[in-house]
Amino acid sequence: MSDTHLTRRALLANATAVALGAATGPARAATATVRTKGTVAAEVPLLWREFTRDPFTHPQIPYIGRAGSRGGSPRFPRRRVVADVTDFGAVADGTTDCAPAINRAIAAAGRAGGGTVTIPPGTFRIDDLIRVGDSNVVLRGAGSDRTKLYATKNLTELIGVYGSRYGGDKSSWSWAGGLIWLAPQARLDSLVAAIRAKAWPFEGWTGNKRDEWTSLTTVEPARQGSWTLTVADPARLRPGRLVLLRLADDADHTLLEHMSGGGPGPEAYVWTDKTKLTSYVPYEWPVRIARVHGRRVTLERPLPLDVRPEWDPRLTTHVPELTGSGVEGLTLEAMQTPQSPHLLDKGYNGVVLQCAYDCWLDDVTVRHVDNGFGLVAASACTLRRTRVSGRGSHHPYFCREGSHDNLIEDFTIEDRTVPAPPNTQLHGINVEGLSSYNVWSRGDMRMGTFDSHRGLPFANVRTDITVNNNGRHGGDASAGPLFGARFTHWNIRVGNGRAGLMKIDGLAPYSATVGLNTVTEFDQTDVPDFTGDLHSRLELYGTTDVVRPRNLYEAQRDLP
């Protein structure tokens, strides 16, 4: 793939958009009006016309057209059925502990080299967590309305108290771990051992102490958006191999400045006391190699950032990944308990993907959980047709610890079924910890907000979402800015008109808010982290559902 080449189809699309813009006259130069059947006139913003001319390096809008499992494929692999949980002793009577039987069936599928483990209709009680620890293993129920796993215990009971590596009395089960936990078996075992030893771990691709990696080769300078790298030594690189691109920050924190778009604002920002944020670097980006030709290496996705010598860029190893695994067609319902006070969750958590690449969830509901669906150092995964329901959750969705290129689409956060207890929090769809190029698409959020927990997430997209914006964002001051560069909110419908992190042109540097109805501030009012001109763009503000393309992710995916 060429870094700059656009096909004839893209050029024709550009020409059409430009012609539409010309037809509107100088008074509407920023947008092109397209008349459709009915009363609504669709609007093509200037930002979209710009993006199609320069999709991989646009200053405000990230290229997320290949987010998700297998580059966003609409179909997941169908693996042969190798086990049914009832053959291993599971009974759908709602009273027998079926966790051992389900885990034995999953382990058998792993020993067989992968395959599908089926769970028939009914209610299966589980008194332990369910572990998917081998690649190419799929756990498949009969549908989220037919197969239920009823969880009676929380992660504090099953594994132990999980304190924060940053100190204090917080419970890390407030943002980690799931009662269905997809992670490489060795990685999960090491995490559990560290938690029980009270040696609070890092949770990402390079182990509990971030030391489980070796260098494969150094990398020559390259620009954000390039699909190719020139390496010093390609000997250990091959097509299909998953590697980490590792970028370390320098003493002047120019990597963090680059993630924020660069310029006077980020240069003037005080980074040195943001100890939680600086613990997140080096930035580690998992990516598969598509081709090796001499010292030229082609990647399956374009570079998320510049590659500069001062950041000691290199391709490295990592802990063995979980890949090609998924969970489909079931509901996980936790025993209903009151929601815990903020940051003291016991761990009635839903489904988590960790150190997972090209994995997925489809048609999965979680109910009465502390935290719903988690991406923890997970990349290129898809969550499709997922739903959070029941008594209310701290984090219905969380995306952290350097999770990249994920797709969450057709998701629902239902309204809570009981009032929120005092001293609890509702965050909504969370992203933090240098997580980048993630997409939330076609969402129905009946409660919650677009939560940034600081930690400089950047280049993330929320598109075609309806939200009743009644949550609040979180984030420790030591975690640094709410936003890095290239955040985009595109076609967002805020039912209750609350601004809070919806309209981000005054908060996020080099970012875009396009197609948002009029919103007003409420009690949580944020100030920008960076001084001066943020170079953020606002188009079609005060509109509802008129922006075209309607869905930014789908439009990017359809670009040739």
Protein backbone atom coordinates (compact mmCIF):
# COMPACT_ATOMS: atom_id res chain seq x y z
CA MET A 1 0.00 0.00 0.00
CA SER A 2 1.24 3.49 -0.77
CA ASP A 3 1.42 6.17 1.88
CA THR A 4 -0.20 8.79 -0.36
CA HIS A 5 -1.89 6.96 -3.18
CA LEU A 6 -5.66 7.34 -3.51
CA THR A 7 -7.62 5.20 -5.91
CA ARG A 8 -9.84 6.47 -8.70
CA ARG A 9 -12.91 5.83 -6.55
CA ALA A 10 -11.59 8.11 -3.79
CA LEU A 11 -10.71 10.82 -6.29
CA LEU A 12 -14.20 10.66 -7.75
CA ALA A 13 -15.67 10.97 -4.26
CA ASN A 14 -13.51 14.04 -3.67
CA ALA A 15 -14.62 15.59 -6.95
CA THR A 16 -18.27 14.96 -6.10
CA ALA A 17 -17.90 16.53 -2.66
CA VAL A 18 -16.11 19.58 -4.07
CA ALA A 19 -18.84 20.00 -6.68
CA LEU A 20 -21.47 19.84 -3.98
CA GLY A 21 -19.61 22.49 -2.03
CA ALA A 22 -19.38 24.75 -5.08
CA ALA A 23 -23.08 24.41 -5.71
CA THR A 24 -23.93 25.84 -2.30
CA GLY A 25 -22.21 29.17 -3.00
CA PRO A 26 -19.80 31.18 -0.89
CA ALA A 27 -22.17 31.61 2.04
CA ARG A 28 -22.05 27.84 2.67
CA ALA A 29 -18.46 27.16 1.68
CA ALA A 30 -17.80 25.02 4.77
CA THR A 31 -20.50 22.48 3.97
CA ALA A 32 -22.27 21.01 0.99
CA THR A 33 -26.04 20.57 1.13
CA VAL A 34 -27.51 17.38 -0.32
CA ARG A 35 -31.30 17.29 -0.71
CA THR A 36 -32.85 13.96 0.27
CA LYS A 37 -36.39 12.65 0.40
CA GLY A 38 -38.31 14.12 3.30
CA THR A 39 -37.66 17.37 5.09
CA VAL A 40 -34.05 16.96 6.27
CA ALA A 41 -31.26 18.38 4.12
CA ALA A 42 -28.07 16.38 4.57
CA GLU A 43 -24.86 18.35 5.02
CA VAL A 44 -21.37 17.31 3.88
CA PRO A 45 -18.89 19.19 6.09
CA LEU A 46 -15.67 20.71 4.89
CA LEU A 47 -13.81 18.43 7.27
CA TRP A 48 -14.97 15.34 5.39
CA ARG A 49 -13.90 16.76 2.05
CA GLU A 50 -10.50 17.55 3.54
CA PHE A 51 -10.20 14.11 5.08
CA THR A 52 -10.82 12.21 1.86
CA ARG A 53 -7.95 14.11 0.27
CA ASP A 54 -5.57 13.28 3.12
CA PRO A 55 -7.03 10.38 5.14
CA PHE A 56 -3.94 9.09 6.92
CA THR A 57 -2.46 12.39 8.11
CA HIS A 58 -5.41 14.71 8.64
CA PRO A 59 -4.60 17.01 11.58
CA GLN A 60 -7.99 16.74 13.33
CA ILE A 61 -9.61 13.45 12.28
CA PRO A 62 -7.85 10.10 12.81
CA TYR A 63 -7.91 7.30 10.26
CA ILE A 64 -9.88 4.53 12.00
CA GLY A 65 -11.13 2.71 8.90
CA ARG A 66 -9.37 -0.53 9.90
CA ALA A 67 -10.34 -0.57 13.57
CA GLY A 68 -11.63 -3.84 14.96
CA SER A 69 -11.01 -7.54 14.54
CA ARG A 70 -9.63 -8.50 11.13
CA GLY A 71 -9.65 -4.88 10.04
CA GLY A 72 -13.30 -4.40 10.99
CA SER A 73 -14.64 -7.40 9.09
CA PRO A 74 -18.44 -7.70 9.38
CA ARG A 75 -18.12 -11.46 9.87
CA PHE A 76 -16.30 -13.36 12.59
CA PRO A 77 -14.62 -16.71 11.94
CA ARG A 78 -16.90 -19.74 12.35
CA ARG A 79 -14.88 -22.39 14.09
CA ARG A 80 -15.91 -26.03 14.20
CA VAL A 81 -17.73 -27.17 17.33
CA VAL A 82 -15.39 -29.25 19.45
CA ALA A 83 -17.22 -29.36 22.78
CA ASP A 84 -20.52 -28.75 24.52
CA VAL A 85 -20.43 -27.77 28.16
CA THR A 86 -23.11 -30.32 29.07
CA ASP A 87 -20.74 -33.10 27.99
CA PHE A 88 -18.38 -31.89 30.73
CA GLY A 89 -21.04 -31.84 33.46
CA ALA A 90 -22.77 -28.45 33.12
CA VAL A 91 -26.47 -28.53 34.04
CA ALA A 92 -28.92 -25.77 33.18
CA ASP A 93 -30.79 -25.96 36.48
CA GLY A 94 -29.70 -22.58 37.89
CA THR A 95 -28.35 -24.19 41.08
CA THR A 96 -25.42 -26.44 40.09
CA ASP A 97 -22.04 -24.70 39.93
CA CYS A 98 -21.18 -25.09 36.24
CA ALA A 99 -17.96 -23.04 36.19
CA PRO A 100 -15.69 -26.10 36.49
CA ALA A 101 -17.47 -27.86 33.64
CA ILE A 102 -17.43 -24.79 31.40
CA ASN A 103 -13.75 -24.19 32.07
CA ARG A 104 -12.94 -27.86 31.39
CA ALA A 105 -14.72 -27.63 28.03
CA ILE A 106 -12.84 -24.43 27.14
CA ALA A 107 -9.52 -26.01 28.15
CA ALA A 108 -10.29 -29.05 26.00
CA ALA A 109 -10.91 -26.79 23.01
CA GLY A 110 -7.57 -25.12 23.66
CA ARG A 111 -5.77 -28.47 23.73
CA ALA A 112 -7.45 -29.35 20.44
CA GLY A 113 -5.90 -26.27 18.84
CA GLY A 114 -9.10 -24.21 18.97
CA GLY A 115 -12.75 -24.56 18.12
CA THR A 116 -16.18 -23.60 19.40
CA VAL A 117 -17.54 -24.54 22.82
CA THR A 118 -21.34 -24.41 22.85
CA ILE A 119 -23.66 -23.62 25.75
CA PRO A 120 -27.29 -24.62 25.17
CA PRO A 121 -30.29 -22.55 26.25
CA GLY A 122 -30.93 -22.26 29.97
CA THR A 123 -29.49 -20.77 33.13
CA PHE A 124 -26.09 -22.02 34.25
CA ARG A 125 -24.85 -20.99 37.67
CA ILE A 126 -21.14 -20.14 37.94
CA ASP A 127 -19.31 -19.80 41.26
CA ASP A 128 -15.96 -19.02 39.63
CA LEU A 129 -14.72 -16.90 36.76
CA ILE A 130 -14.74 -18.27 33.22
CA ARG A 131 -11.33 -18.26 31.52
CA VAL A 132 -10.68 -18.17 27.78
CA GLY A 133 -6.90 -18.51 27.72
CA ASP A 134 -6.11 -20.19 24.39
CA SER A 135 -6.21 -18.71 20.92
CA ASN A 136 -8.91 -19.63 18.39
CA VAL A 137 -11.38 -20.72 21.08
CA VAL A 138 -14.95 -19.41 20.88
CA LEU A 139 -17.49 -19.71 23.70
CA ARG A 140 -20.93 -19.63 22.08
CA GLY A 141 -24.33 -19.59 23.73
CA ALA A 142 -27.67 -19.97 22.00
CA GLY A 143 -28.30 -16.22 22.06
CA SER A 144 -28.21 -13.52 24.72
CA ASP A 145 -31.95 -14.01 25.25
CA ARG A 146 -31.63 -17.80 25.65
CA THR A 147 -28.36 -18.65 27.42
CA LYS A 148 -27.55 -17.16 30.82
CA LEU A 149 -24.55 -17.53 33.08
CA TYR A 150 -25.56 -16.56 36.63
CA ALA A 151 -22.54 -15.43 38.65
CA THR A 152 -22.76 -15.69 42.43
CA LYS A 153 -19.33 -14.38 43.47
CA ASN A 154 -17.13 -11.37 42.81
CA LEU A 155 -13.45 -11.12 41.95
CA THR A 156 -12.47 -10.07 45.47
CA GLU A 157 -13.90 -13.37 46.74
CA LEU A 158 -12.45 -15.43 43.91
CA ILE A 159 -8.97 -13.90 43.60
CA GLY A 160 -8.47 -11.46 46.46
CA VAL A 161 -8.25 -7.79 47.29
CA TYR A 162 -6.68 -5.88 44.38
CA GLY A 163 -5.09 -2.62 45.46
CA SER A 164 -3.90 0.16 43.19
CA ARG A 165 -0.27 0.34 42.10
CA TYR A 166 -0.58 4.10 42.60
CA GLY A 167 -1.42 3.80 46.28
CA GLY A 168 -4.46 4.65 48.36
CA ASP A 169 -7.35 2.40 49.33
CA LYS A 170 -8.83 2.07 45.83
CA SER A 171 -9.86 -1.30 44.46
CA SER A 172 -8.38 -2.07 41.06
CA TRP A 173 -11.42 -4.27 40.45
CA SER A 174 -13.03 -0.88 39.74
CA TRP A 175 -11.30 -0.93 36.35
CA ALA A 176 -9.85 -4.40 35.79
CA GLY A 177 -10.80 -8.05 35.52
CA GLY A 178 -13.94 -9.84 34.42
CA LEU A 179 -16.04 -12.80 35.46
CA ILE A 180 -15.52 -13.85 31.85
CA TRP A 181 -11.84 -13.10 31.26
CA LEU A 182 -10.22 -13.48 27.85
CA ALA A 183 -6.45 -13.34 28.25
CA PRO A 184 -3.48 -15.59 27.44
CA GLN A 185 -3.45 -18.24 30.15
CA ALA A 186 0.12 -17.55 31.25
CA ARG A 187 -0.61 -13.81 31.42
CA LEU A 188 -3.73 -14.34 33.51
CA ASP A 189 -1.89 -16.73 35.84
CA SER A 190 0.86 -14.15 36.39
CA LEU A 191 -1.68 -11.42 37.12
CA VAL A 192 -3.55 -13.57 39.64
CA ALA A 193 -0.28 -14.55 41.35
CA ALA A 194 0.80 -10.91 41.62
CA ILE A 195 -2.56 -9.81 43.02
CA ARG A 196 -2.52 -12.55 45.65
CA ALA A 197 1.05 -11.57 46.57
CA LYS A 198 -0.09 -7.91 46.80
CA ALA A 199 2.57 -6.99 44.23
CA TRP A 200 0.19 -4.79 42.27
CA PRO A 201 1.09 -5.34 38.60
CA PHE A 202 1.17 -3.47 35.37
CA GLU A 203 -1.41 -5.19 33.19
CA GLY A 204 -0.14 -4.77 29.66
CA TRP A 205 1.74 -6.43 26.84
CA THR A 206 5.15 -6.57 28.56
CA GLY A 207 4.34 -8.21 31.87
CA ASN A 208 3.71 -7.28 35.47
CA LYS A 209 6.92 -5.24 35.67
CA ARG A 210 6.96 -4.19 32.00
CA ASP A 211 10.19 -6.09 31.49
CA GLU A 212 9.04 -9.10 29.44
CA TRP A 213 10.19 -7.92 26.03
CA THR A 214 13.24 -8.08 23.82
CA SER A 215 14.20 -5.86 20.94
CA LEU A 216 13.74 -7.25 17.44
CA THR A 217 15.16 -4.30 15.53
CA THR A 218 15.49 -0.54 15.64
CA VAL A 219 13.42 1.56 13.27
CA GLU A 220 14.35 4.50 11.07
CA PRO A 221 12.34 7.76 11.18
CA ALA A 222 8.86 7.68 9.62
CA ARG A 223 5.75 9.85 9.55
CA GLN A 224 2.37 9.26 11.10
CA GLY A 225 0.09 7.63 8.53
CA SER A 226 2.83 5.68 6.77
CA TRP A 227 2.10 2.01 6.14
CA THR A 228 5.77 1.09 5.92
CA LEU A 229 8.85 1.18 8.10
CA THR A 230 12.53 0.81 7.34
CA VAL A 231 14.22 -1.35 9.95
CA ALA A 232 17.87 -1.98 10.78
CA ASP A 233 17.58 -5.78 10.84
CA PRO A 234 14.60 -7.69 9.38
CA ALA A 235 15.97 -11.15 10.27
CA ARG A 236 13.33 -11.94 12.91
CA LEU A 237 10.40 -10.33 11.13
CA ARG A 238 7.95 -12.24 8.98
CA PRO A 239 4.49 -11.67 7.52
CA GLY A 240 1.76 -12.39 10.04
CA ARG A 241 3.92 -11.85 13.11
CA LEU A 242 2.49 -9.60 15.82
CA VAL A 243 5.05 -7.12 17.11
CA LEU A 244 5.05 -4.07 19.36
CA LEU A 245 6.12 -0.70 18.06
CA ARG A 246 7.77 0.79 21.15
CA LEU A 247 8.24 4.55 21.53
CA ALA A 248 9.94 5.84 24.68
CA ASP A 249 9.58 9.46 25.76
CA ASP A 250 12.58 11.76 26.14
CA ALA A 251 13.51 14.11 28.98
CA ASP A 252 11.61 16.99 27.39
CA HIS A 253 8.47 14.86 26.95
CA THR A 254 8.32 15.54 23.24
CA LEU A 255 6.46 12.25 22.67
CA LEU A 256 3.62 13.37 24.94
CA GLU A 257 3.66 16.76 23.19
CA HIS A 258 3.38 14.99 19.82
CA MET A 259 0.42 12.94 21.06
CA SER A 260 -1.20 16.27 21.93
CA GLY A 261 -0.66 17.76 18.49
CA GLY A 262 2.50 19.74 19.28
CA GLY A 263 2.91 23.49 19.29
CA PRO A 264 3.03 26.15 22.01
CA GLY A 265 0.23 24.74 24.22
CA PRO A 266 1.68 21.25 24.76
CA GLU A 267 5.19 22.71 24.91
CA ALA A 268 4.15 24.96 27.80
CA TYR A 269 2.32 22.21 29.66
CA VAL A 270 3.98 20.89 32.83
CA TRP A 271 4.47 17.17 32.29
CA THR A 272 7.03 16.32 34.94
CA ASP A 273 4.63 16.12 37.89
CA LYS A 274 2.09 13.96 36.02
CA THR A 275 3.53 10.79 37.51
CA LYS A 276 0.61 8.52 36.67
CA LEU A 277 0.69 9.62 33.04
CA THR A 278 4.45 9.22 32.70
CA SER A 279 4.15 5.69 34.08
CA TYR A 280 2.12 4.81 30.96
CA VAL A 281 5.04 5.36 28.58
CA PRO A 282 6.71 3.84 26.60
CA TYR A 283 3.83 3.82 24.15
CA GLU A 284 3.36 0.24 22.93
CA TRP A 285 1.34 -0.35 19.77
CA PRO A 286 0.67 -3.95 18.66
CA VAL A 287 0.51 -4.50 14.92
CA ARG A 288 0.84 -7.43 12.51
CA ILE A 289 3.43 -7.38 9.78
CA ALA A 290 1.88 -7.65 6.33
CA ARG A 291 5.04 -7.84 4.20
CA VAL A 292 8.82 -7.83 4.50
CA HIS A 293 10.87 -6.73 1.49
CA GLY A 294 14.51 -6.26 2.34
CA ARG A 295 14.57 -3.74 5.16
CA ARG A 296 11.15 -2.37 4.22
CA VAL A 297 8.34 -3.66 6.42
CA THR A 298 4.68 -3.09 5.53
CA LEU A 299 2.17 -3.02 8.40
CA GLU A 300 -1.50 -3.95 8.42
CA ARG A 301 -2.41 -0.47 9.72
CA PRO A 302 -0.86 2.95 9.20
CA LEU A 303 1.45 4.36 11.86
CA PRO A 304 -0.43 6.05 14.71
CA LEU A 305 2.35 8.55 15.41
CA ASP A 306 5.58 9.86 13.96
CA VAL A 307 8.63 7.68 14.55
CA ARG A 308 11.53 9.88 15.67
CA PRO A 309 15.07 8.96 16.74
CA GLU A 310 14.77 10.73 20.11
CA TRP A 311 12.12 8.20 21.15
CA ASP A 312 14.38 5.16 20.65
CA PRO A 313 11.89 3.54 18.23
CA ARG A 314 12.06 -0.22 17.85
CA LEU A 315 9.97 -3.30 17.16
CA THR A 316 9.89 -5.67 20.12
CA THR A 317 8.48 -8.93 21.40
CA HIS A 318 5.73 -9.12 24.02
CA VAL A 319 3.89 -11.70 26.09
CA PRO A 320 2.24 -14.29 23.80
CA GLU A 321 -1.06 -12.87 22.60
CA LEU A 322 -4.56 -14.28 22.71
CA THR A 323 -5.86 -14.13 19.14
CA GLY A 324 -8.84 -15.42 17.20
CA SER A 325 -10.97 -16.05 20.30
CA GLY A 326 -14.44 -14.78 21.13
CA VAL A 327 -17.60 -14.97 23.20
CA GLU A 328 -21.00 -15.00 21.52
CA GLY A 329 -24.69 -15.31 22.25
CA LEU A 330 -25.07 -15.22 26.02
CA THR A 331 -25.97 -13.11 29.03
CA LEU A 332 -23.76 -12.87 32.08
CA GLU A 333 -25.89 -11.88 35.06
CA ALA A 334 -24.26 -11.14 38.38
CA MET A 335 -26.04 -11.68 41.65
CA GLN A 336 -27.78 -8.39 42.31
CA THR A 337 -26.08 -6.37 45.04
CA PRO A 338 -26.01 -2.62 45.69
CA GLN A 339 -23.47 -0.67 43.64
CA SER A 340 -20.31 -0.10 45.69
CA PRO A 341 -19.00 3.33 46.72
CA HIS A 342 -16.76 4.96 44.14
CA LEU A 343 -13.48 3.09 43.50
CA LEU A 344 -14.31 0.37 46.01
CA ASP A 345 -15.86 -2.12 43.60
CA LYS A 346 -15.75 -5.75 44.69
CA GLY A 347 -15.52 -7.03 41.13
CA TYR A 348 -18.92 -8.18 39.95
CA ASN A 349 -17.49 -7.39 36.52
CA GLY A 350 -18.62 -8.50 33.09
CA VAL A 351 -16.37 -9.50 30.17
CA VAL A 352 -12.77 -8.33 29.76
CA LEU A 353 -10.30 -8.79 26.90
CA GLN A 354 -6.68 -8.44 27.98
CA CYS A 355 -3.51 -8.81 25.92
CA ALA A 356 -5.91 -9.87 23.18
CA TYR A 357 -5.58 -9.12 19.46
CA ASP A 358 -8.14 -9.90 16.75
CA CYS A 359 -10.66 -11.18 19.30
CA TRP A 360 -14.36 -10.36 19.59
CA LEU A 361 -17.62 -10.35 21.52
CA ASP A 362 -20.95 -10.60 19.71
CA ASP A 363 -24.50 -10.59 21.10
CA VAL A 364 -23.40 -10.47 24.73
CA THR A 365 -25.34 -8.82 27.57
CA VAL A 366 -24.11 -8.18 31.10
CA ARG A 367 -26.52 -7.41 33.93
CA HIS A 368 -26.13 -6.11 37.50
CA VAL A 369 -22.38 -5.67 37.08
CA ASP A 370 -19.93 -3.26 38.72
CA ASN A 371 -18.14 -2.80 35.40
CA GLY A 372 -19.44 -4.06 32.10
CA PHE A 373 -17.05 -4.63 29.18
CA GLY A 374 -13.33 -4.01 29.43
CA LEU A 375 -10.44 -3.59 27.04
CA VAL A 376 -7.16 -3.76 28.95
CA ALA A 377 -4.05 -3.69 26.77
CA ALA A 378 -6.33 -5.12 24.08
CA SER A 379 -6.05 -4.16 20.42
CA ALA A 380 -7.81 -4.80 17.11
CA CYS A 381 -10.81 -6.35 18.87
CA THR A 382 -14.52 -5.92 18.09
CA LEU A 383 -17.39 -5.69 20.52
CA ARG A 384 -20.62 -5.96 18.53
CA ARG A 385 -24.22 -6.03 19.79
CA THR A 386 -23.20 -5.73 23.43
CA ARG A 387 -25.51 -4.47 26.16
CA VAL A 388 -25.19 -3.35 29.78
CA SER A 389 -28.35 -3.58 31.85
CA GLY A 390 -29.59 -3.90 35.41
CA ARG A 391 -28.88 -2.01 38.60
CA GLY A 392 -26.25 0.41 37.23
CA SER A 393 -22.51 0.22 36.60
CA HIS A 394 -19.44 2.23 37.53
CA HIS A 395 -17.86 1.74 34.08
CA PRO A 396 -20.31 0.23 31.60
CA TYR A 397 -17.39 0.19 29.11
CA PHE A 398 -13.73 0.81 29.89
CA CYS A 399 -10.76 1.05 27.53
CA ARG A 400 -7.38 1.48 29.16
CA GLU A 401 -3.75 0.42 29.65
CA GLY A 402 -2.80 1.23 26.09
CA SER A 403 -5.68 -0.33 24.14
CA HIS A 404 -5.70 0.56 20.45
CA ASP A 405 -7.63 0.07 17.19
CA ASN A 406 -10.72 -1.46 18.82
CA LEU A 407 -14.28 -1.22 17.53
CA ILE A 408 -17.35 -1.07 19.79
CA GLU A 409 -20.46 -0.96 17.62
CA ASP A 410 -24.21 -1.44 18.05
CA PHE A 411 -23.85 -1.08 21.81
CA THR A 412 -26.49 -0.24 24.41
CA ILE A 413 -26.31 1.06 27.95
CA GLU A 414 -29.77 0.66 29.42
CA ASP A 415 -31.17 2.94 32.09
CA ARG A 416 -30.52 1.64 35.58
CA THR A 417 -33.28 -0.39 37.22
CA VAL A 418 -32.65 0.93 40.75
CA PRO A 419 -31.63 4.43 41.91
CA ALA A 420 -27.91 5.06 42.30
CA PRO A 421 -26.75 4.70 45.92
CA PRO A 422 -24.90 7.67 47.49
CA ASN A 423 -21.16 8.09 46.75
CA THR A 424 -21.23 6.06 43.54
CA GLN A 425 -20.25 7.14 40.04
CA LEU A 426 -21.46 6.47 36.51
CA HIS A 427 -18.91 7.06 33.78
CA GLY A 428 -20.35 5.60 30.55
CA ILE A 429 -17.89 4.82 27.75
CA ASN A 430 -14.42 5.32 29.18
CA VAL A 431 -11.07 5.72 27.47
CA GLU A 432 -7.74 6.47 29.14
CA GLY A 433 -4.09 5.53 29.50
CA LEU A 434 -2.66 6.47 26.05
CA SER A 435 -5.36 4.37 24.36
CA SER A 436 -5.70 5.42 20.72
CA TYR A 437 -7.61 4.87 17.45
CA ASN A 438 -10.59 3.25 19.16
CA VAL A 439 -14.13 3.67 17.80
CA TRP A 440 -17.54 3.71 19.47
CA SER A 441 -20.18 3.49 16.74
CA ARG A 442 -23.99 3.25 16.58
CA GLY A 443 -24.61 3.48 20.30
CA ASP A 444 -27.72 3.88 22.43
CA MET A 445 -26.63 5.32 25.77
CA ARG A 446 -29.64 5.78 28.00
CA MET A 447 -27.28 6.85 30.77
CA GLY A 448 -23.62 7.75 31.15
CA THR A 449 -21.23 10.07 29.36
CA PHE A 450 -18.24 10.12 27.00
CA ASP A 451 -15.75 9.56 29.77
CA SER A 452 -12.09 10.42 29.49
CA HIS A 453 -10.24 9.42 32.65
CA ARG A 454 -7.30 11.57 31.66
CA GLY A 455 -4.10 9.67 30.85
CA LEU A 456 -3.89 11.39 27.46
CA PRO A 457 -6.05 9.17 25.23
CA PHE A 458 -5.78 10.40 21.66
CA ALA A 459 -7.15 9.81 18.15
CA ASN A 460 -10.38 8.17 19.30
CA VAL A 461 -13.79 8.47 17.59
CA ARG A 462 -17.38 8.44 18.84
CA THR A 463 -19.88 8.43 15.99
CA ASP A 464 -23.63 8.00 15.41
CA ILE A 465 -24.54 7.77 19.10
CA THR A 466 -27.61 8.85 21.04
CA VAL A 467 -26.81 9.69 24.65
CA ASN A 468 -28.71 10.81 27.72
CA ASN A 469 -25.69 12.61 29.15
CA ASN A 470 -26.18 12.12 32.90
CA GLY A 471 -22.79 10.70 33.91
CA ARG A 472 -19.54 12.33 35.01
CA HIS A 473 -15.98 11.77 33.91
CA GLY A 474 -13.19 10.88 36.31
CA GLY A 475 -9.41 10.94 36.34
CA ASP A 476 -6.62 11.72 38.76
CA ALA A 477 -4.78 15.03 38.25
CA SER A 478 -1.49 13.14 38.09
CA ALA A 479 -2.80 11.36 34.97
CA GLY A 480 -2.45 14.54 32.92
CA PRO A 481 -4.69 15.84 30.12
CA LEU A 482 -8.22 14.72 29.37
CA PHE A 483 -7.49 14.55 25.64
CA GLY A 484 -4.63 14.28 23.24
CA ALA A 485 -4.97 15.21 19.58
CA ARG A 486 -7.38 13.92 16.91
CA PHE A 487 -10.42 13.13 19.05
CA THR A 488 -13.59 13.24 16.95
CA HIS A 489 -17.26 13.36 17.91
CA TRP A 490 -19.34 12.90 14.75
CA ASN A 491 -23.14 12.82 14.58
CA ILE A 492 -23.94 12.81 18.30
CA ARG A 493 -27.49 13.26 19.58
CA VAL A 494 -27.60 14.47 23.20
CA GLY A 495 -31.13 13.90 24.40
CA ASN A 496 -30.93 16.00 27.56
CA GLY A 497 -28.78 18.77 26.07
CA ARG A 498 -25.95 18.55 28.59
CA ALA A 499 -22.57 19.56 27.23
CA GLY A 500 -20.13 17.63 29.47
CA LEU A 501 -17.49 16.14 27.10
CA MET A 502 -19.82 16.14 24.09
CA LYS A 503 -18.75 19.44 22.51
CA ILE A 504 -14.97 19.25 22.69
CA ASP A 505 -13.75 22.07 20.44
CA GLY A 506 -12.85 24.08 23.55
CA LEU A 507 -11.13 21.17 25.30
CA ALA A 508 -9.40 18.75 22.93
CA PRO A 509 -6.41 19.90 20.83
CA TYR A 510 -6.43 19.33 17.06
CA SER A 511 -9.82 17.63 17.30
CA ALA A 512 -13.27 17.82 15.73
CA THR A 513 -16.90 18.11 16.81
CA VAL A 514 -19.22 17.61 13.84
CA GLY A 515 -23.00 17.24 13.77
CA LEU A 516 -23.96 17.86 17.40
CA ASN A 517 -27.24 19.35 18.62
CA THR A 518 -27.09 22.41 20.87
CA VAL A 519 -25.81 21.59 24.38
CA THR A 520 -25.26 23.66 27.51
CA GLU A 521 -22.87 23.30 30.44
CA PHE A 522 -23.94 21.71 33.70
CA ASP A 523 -22.24 21.23 37.07
CA GLN A 524 -19.08 19.54 35.78
CA THR A 525 -17.46 22.22 33.63
CA ASP A 526 -13.94 21.55 32.39
CA VAL A 527 -11.22 23.96 31.31
CA PRO A 528 -8.73 23.09 28.58
CA ASP A 529 -5.46 21.52 29.68
CA PHE A 530 -3.49 23.42 27.03
CA THR A 531 -3.21 27.18 26.59
CA GLY A 532 -3.61 29.12 23.36
CA ASP A 533 -5.23 28.06 20.11
CA LEU A 534 -6.33 24.41 20.34
CA HIS A 535 -6.69 24.15 16.54
CA SER A 536 -9.93 22.25 17.14
CA ARG A 537 -12.77 22.32 14.63
CA LEU A 538 -16.53 22.67 15.03
CA GLU A 539 -18.99 22.09 12.17
CA LEU A 540 -22.73 21.64 11.91
CA TYR A 541 -23.21 22.54 15.56
CA GLY A 542 -26.85 22.87 16.54
CA THR A 543 -28.00 20.20 14.09
CA THR A 544 -29.46 16.76 14.64
CA ASP A 545 -28.58 13.88 12.37
CA VAL A 546 -27.95 15.90 9.21
CA VAL A 547 -24.21 15.37 8.78
CA ARG A 548 -23.15 13.15 5.87
CA PRO A 549 -21.56 10.76 6.04
CA ARG A 550 -23.75 9.83 8.97
CA ASN A 551 -21.25 7.40 10.46
CA LEU A 552 -17.59 8.41 10.29
CA TYR A 553 -16.23 4.90 10.88
CA GLU A 554 -18.36 3.26 8.20
CA ALA A 555 -17.47 5.98 5.71
CA GLN A 556 -13.76 5.53 6.38
CA ARG A 557 -14.05 1.74 6.17
CA ASP A 558 -15.64 2.11 2.74
CA LEU A 559 -12.81 4.24 1.39
CA PRO A 560 -10.73 2.16 -1.04
